[in-house]
């Protein structure tokens, strides 16, 4: 699981993430060390919090995939259409 990597990128502590998830900091530490695995609801919350897919969160492989909002997608699409006219 890429939890520690994502948490460090976002510059948040285990304690802050634990508070968001309504669990203990010890539980976050266990997730990061691979001693425990989060349940499905926690995985969904983590995915949403870090704006990544569940697949990305659980896989160790790097993929050339990024997530953007629908609004950003529409803006990008419109800009691309204007450029190609």
Protein backbone atom coordinates (compact mmCIF):
# COMPACT_ATOMS: atom_id res chain seq x y z
CA UNK A 1 0.00 0.00 0.00
CA UNK A 2 1.25 3.49 -0.85
CA UNK A 3 -0.18 5.11 2.25
CA UNK A 4 3.08 6.41 3.72
CA UNK A 5 4.23 7.80 0.36
CA UNK A 6 0.93 9.62 -0.18
CA UNK A 7 0.85 10.92 3.38
CA UNK A 8 4.40 12.28 3.10
CA UNK A 9 3.61 13.97 -0.25
CA UNK A 10 0.65 15.70 1.35
CA UNK A 11 2.83 16.61 4.35
CA UNK A 12 0.44 15.34 6.98
CA UNK A 13 1.22 13.40 10.12
CA UNK A 14 -0.06 9.97 11.00
CA UNK A 15 -1.99 11.64 13.81
CA UNK A 16 -3.75 14.06 11.43
CA UNK A 17 -4.68 11.26 9.05
CA UNK A 18 -5.91 9.13 11.94
CA UNK A 19 -8.13 11.97 13.14
CA UNK A 20 -9.62 12.33 9.64
CA UNK A 21 -10.35 8.60 9.52
CA UNK A 22 -11.54 8.43 13.14
CA UNK A 23 -9.00 5.76 14.02
CA UNK A 24 -5.81 5.73 16.09
CA UNK A 25 -2.36 6.84 15.00
CA UNK A 26 -1.16 3.36 15.95
CA UNK A 27 -3.53 1.90 13.35
CA UNK A 28 -2.08 4.20 10.65
CA UNK A 29 1.41 3.08 11.64
CA UNK A 30 0.37 -0.58 11.35
CA UNK A 31 -1.07 0.06 7.88
CA UNK A 32 2.16 1.73 6.78
CA UNK A 33 4.30 -1.09 8.18
CA UNK A 34 2.11 -3.76 6.58
CA UNK A 35 1.14 -5.23 9.95
CA UNK A 36 -2.58 -4.60 9.36
CA UNK A 37 -4.73 -3.80 6.36
CA UNK A 38 -7.54 -1.26 6.36
CA UNK A 39 -11.10 -2.39 5.79
CA UNK A 40 -12.91 -1.48 2.59
CA UNK A 41 -14.57 1.64 4.03
CA UNK A 42 -11.22 2.96 5.22
CA UNK A 43 -9.65 2.22 1.84
CA UNK A 44 -12.45 4.20 0.16
CA UNK A 45 -11.89 7.13 2.53
CA UNK A 46 -8.13 7.04 1.88
CA UNK A 47 -8.69 6.95 -1.86
CA UNK A 48 -10.98 9.96 -1.67
CA UNK A 49 -8.72 11.86 0.74
CA UNK A 50 -5.64 11.45 -1.45
CA UNK A 51 -7.59 11.74 -4.72
CA UNK A 52 -6.26 8.46 -6.07
CA UNK A 53 -7.93 5.30 -7.25
CA UNK A 54 -8.21 2.35 -4.92
CA UNK A 55 -6.10 0.39 -7.39
CA UNK A 56 -3.34 3.00 -7.21
CA UNK A 57 -3.50 3.06 -3.42
CA UNK A 58 -3.16 -0.71 -3.13
CA UNK A 59 -0.66 -1.37 -5.94
CA UNK A 60 3.04 -0.79 -5.59
CA UNK A 61 3.58 -0.42 -9.34
CA UNK A 62 3.95 3.04 -10.77
CA UNK A 63 1.46 3.84 -13.48
CA UNK A 64 1.24 6.73 -15.90
CA UNK A 65 -2.20 7.70 -14.64
CA UNK A 66 -3.33 10.91 -13.06
CA UNK A 67 -6.72 11.91 -11.76
CA UNK A 68 -8.31 15.23 -12.58
CA UNK A 69 -11.68 16.70 -11.80
CA UNK A 70 -14.43 16.68 -14.41
CA UNK A 71 -14.26 20.50 -14.50
CA UNK A 72 -10.51 20.41 -15.22
CA UNK A 73 -11.09 17.74 -17.86
CA UNK A 74 -13.69 19.89 -19.60
CA UNK A 75 -11.39 22.92 -19.49
CA UNK A 76 -8.52 20.87 -20.93
CA UNK A 77 -10.78 19.43 -23.61
CA UNK A 78 -12.03 22.89 -24.60
CA UNK A 79 -8.49 24.28 -24.75
CA UNK A 80 -7.34 21.37 -26.88
CA UNK A 81 -10.25 21.86 -29.28
CA UNK A 82 -9.42 25.56 -29.62
CA UNK A 83 -5.77 24.79 -30.38
CA UNK A 84 -6.61 22.22 -33.04
CA UNK A 85 -9.05 24.49 -34.94
